[in-house]
Amino acid sequence: MIKNKNIFILSLGALFFVAGCGDSAKPKDLPKLYPVTITVTSEGTPLENAVVELVSDPPLKFQAITGTDANGKAVMKTYN
């Protein structure tokens, strides 16, 4: 139950993040972005509505976060 609640909260946060990130809000110092597609599975089954976040080391100013579709696929843009 807790796991599903955490996924819901993260998904809700991702929704607000994506809703506020249109091209009009794109920062001027944002570098060129490149698309990345991944598939998230659990025990071989595609995982729907999982939140995926790319984290850099060391942390950067910009983040890449999205959710998976019914096929467990997540498409996001990241740095070169």
C-alpha atoms as a PDB file:
ATOM      1  CA  MET A   1       0.000   0.000   0.000  1.00  0.00           C
ATOM      2  CA  ILE A   2       2.773   2.452   0.924  1.00  0.00           C
ATOM      3  CA  LYS A   3       4.598   1.702  -2.354  1.00  0.00           C
ATOM      4  CA  ASN A   4       1.503   2.597  -4.420  1.00  0.00           C
ATOM      5  CA  LYS A   5       0.973   5.762  -2.365  1.00  0.00           C
ATOM      6  CA  ASN A   6       4.574   6.850  -3.010  1.00  0.00           C
ATOM      7  CA  ILE A   7       4.213   6.191  -6.746  1.00  0.00           C
ATOM      8  CA  PHE A   8       0.992   8.244  -6.755  1.00  0.00           C
ATOM      9  CA  ILE A   9       2.642  11.166  -4.963  1.00  0.00           C
ATOM     10  CA  LEU A  10       5.680  11.081  -7.268  1.00  0.00           C
ATOM     11  CA  SER A  11       3.411  10.852 -10.320  1.00  0.00           C
ATOM     12  CA  LEU A  12       1.399  13.837  -9.139  1.00  0.00           C
ATOM     13  CA  GLY A  13       4.594  15.833  -8.635  1.00  0.00           C
ATOM     14  CA  ALA A  14       5.790  14.842 -12.118  1.00  0.00           C
ATOM     15  CA  LEU A  15       2.464  15.974 -13.589  1.00  0.00           C
ATOM     16  CA  PHE A  16       2.853  19.443 -12.083  1.00  0.00           C
ATOM     17  CA  PHE A  17       6.488  19.555 -13.237  1.00  0.00           C
ATOM     18  CA  VAL A  18       5.593  18.637 -16.828  1.00  0.00           C
ATOM     19  CA  ALA A  19       2.601  20.992 -16.926  1.00  0.00           C
ATOM     20  CA  GLY A  20       4.841  23.938 -16.081  1.00  0.00           C
ATOM     21  CA  CYS A  21       7.633  23.099 -18.514  1.00  0.00           C
ATOM     22  CA  GLY A  22       6.408  24.256 -21.903  1.00  0.00           C
ATOM     23  CA  ASP A  23       8.711  25.898 -24.418  1.00  0.00           C
ATOM     24  CA  SER A  24       7.686  29.346 -23.174  1.00  0.00           C
ATOM     25  CA  ALA A  25       9.205  28.495 -19.758  1.00  0.00           C
ATOM     26  CA  LYS A  26      12.440  27.136 -21.281  1.00  0.00           C
ATOM     27  CA  PRO A  27      15.448  28.800 -19.632  1.00  0.00           C
ATOM     28  CA  LYS A  28      17.828  30.656 -21.949  1.00  0.00           C
ATOM     29  CA  ASP A  29      20.852  28.770 -20.588  1.00  0.00           C
ATOM     30  CA  LEU A  30      19.330  25.315 -21.203  1.00  0.00           C
ATOM     31  CA  PRO A  31      21.734  23.330 -23.405  1.00  0.00           C
ATOM     32  CA  LYS A  32      20.696  21.314 -26.458  1.00  0.00           C
ATOM     33  CA  LEU A  33      18.689  18.272 -25.357  1.00  0.00           C
ATOM     34  CA  TYR A  34      18.768  14.730 -26.741  1.00  0.00           C
ATOM     35  CA  PRO A  35      15.865  12.223 -26.492  1.00  0.00           C
ATOM     36  CA  VAL A  36      16.264   9.079 -24.389  1.00  0.00           C
ATOM     37  CA  THR A  37      13.794   6.186 -24.386  1.00  0.00           C
ATOM     38  CA  ILE A  38      13.883   3.492 -21.695  1.00  0.00           C
ATOM     39  CA  THR A  39      11.618   0.626 -20.665  1.00  0.00           C
ATOM     40  CA  VAL A  40      10.927  -0.049 -16.986  1.00  0.00           C
ATOM     41  CA  THR A  41       9.935  -3.582 -15.979  1.00  0.00           C
ATOM     42  CA  SER A  42       9.216  -5.424 -12.760  1.00  0.00           C
ATOM     43  CA  GLU A  43       9.880  -9.159 -12.886  1.00  0.00           C
ATOM     44  CA  GLY A  44       9.792  -8.965 -16.696  1.00  0.00           C
ATOM     45  CA  THR A  45       6.430  -7.142 -16.882  1.00  0.00           C
ATOM     46  CA  PRO A  46       6.256  -3.533 -18.154  1.00  0.00           C
ATOM     47  CA  LEU A  47       5.657  -1.145 -15.252  1.00  0.00           C
ATOM     48  CA  GLU A  48       2.976   1.476 -16.005  1.00  0.00           C
ATOM     49  CA  ASN A  49       2.930   4.885 -14.268  1.00  0.00           C
ATOM     50  CA  ALA A  50       6.439   4.578 -12.820  1.00  0.00           C
ATOM     51  CA  VAL A  51       8.277   7.846 -12.276  1.00  0.00           C
ATOM     52  CA  VAL A  52      11.691   8.002 -13.936  1.00  0.00           C
ATOM     53  CA  GLU A  53      14.265  10.635 -13.016  1.00  0.00           C
ATOM     54  CA  LEU A  54      17.757  11.023 -14.414  1.00  0.00           C
ATOM     55  CA  VAL A  55      20.156  12.185 -11.724  1.00  0.00           C
ATOM     56  CA  SER A  56      23.602  13.554 -12.490  1.00  0.00           C
ATOM     57  CA  ASP A  57      26.690  13.319 -10.358  1.00  0.00           C
ATOM     58  CA  PRO A  58      27.494  16.019  -9.440  1.00  0.00           C
ATOM     59  CA  PRO A  59      23.977  17.488  -9.438  1.00  0.00           C
ATOM     60  CA  LEU A  60      23.177  19.958 -12.190  1.00  0.00           C
ATOM     61  CA  LYS A  61      20.783  22.895 -12.327  1.00  0.00           C
ATOM     62  CA  PHE A  62      18.331  21.081 -14.644  1.00  0.00           C
ATOM     63  CA  GLN A  63      16.481  17.794 -14.082  1.00  0.00           C
ATOM     64  CA  ALA A  64      14.913  15.183 -16.361  1.00  0.00           C
ATOM     65  CA  ILE A  65      11.819  13.457 -14.956  1.00  0.00           C
ATOM     66  CA  THR A  66       8.857  11.687 -16.582  1.00  0.00           C
ATOM     67  CA  GLY A  67       6.488   8.729 -16.162  1.00  0.00           C
ATOM     68  CA  THR A  68       6.079   5.448 -18.003  1.00  0.00           C
ATOM     69  CA  ASP A  69       3.217   4.566 -20.333  1.00  0.00           C
ATOM     70  CA  ALA A  70       1.176   1.318 -20.409  1.00  0.00           C
ATOM     71  CA  ASN A  71       4.124  -0.443 -22.100  1.00  0.00           C
ATOM     72  CA  GLY A  72       6.581   0.670 -19.409  1.00  0.00           C
ATOM     73  CA  LYS A  73       8.247   3.123 -21.808  1.00  0.00           C
ATOM     74  CA  ALA A  74       9.514   6.512 -20.707  1.00  0.00           C
ATOM     75  CA  VAL A  75      10.696   9.158 -23.174  1.00  0.00           C
ATOM     76  CA  MET A  76      12.667  12.135 -21.914  1.00  0.00           C
ATOM     77  CA  LYS A  77      15.294  14.564 -23.085  1.00  0.00           C
ATOM     78  CA  THR A  78      18.697  14.827 -21.499  1.00  0.00           C
ATOM     79  CA  TYR A  79      22.082  16.446 -22.005  1.00  0.00           C
ATOM     80  CA  ASN A  80      24.493  15.266 -24.733  1.00  0.00           C
END
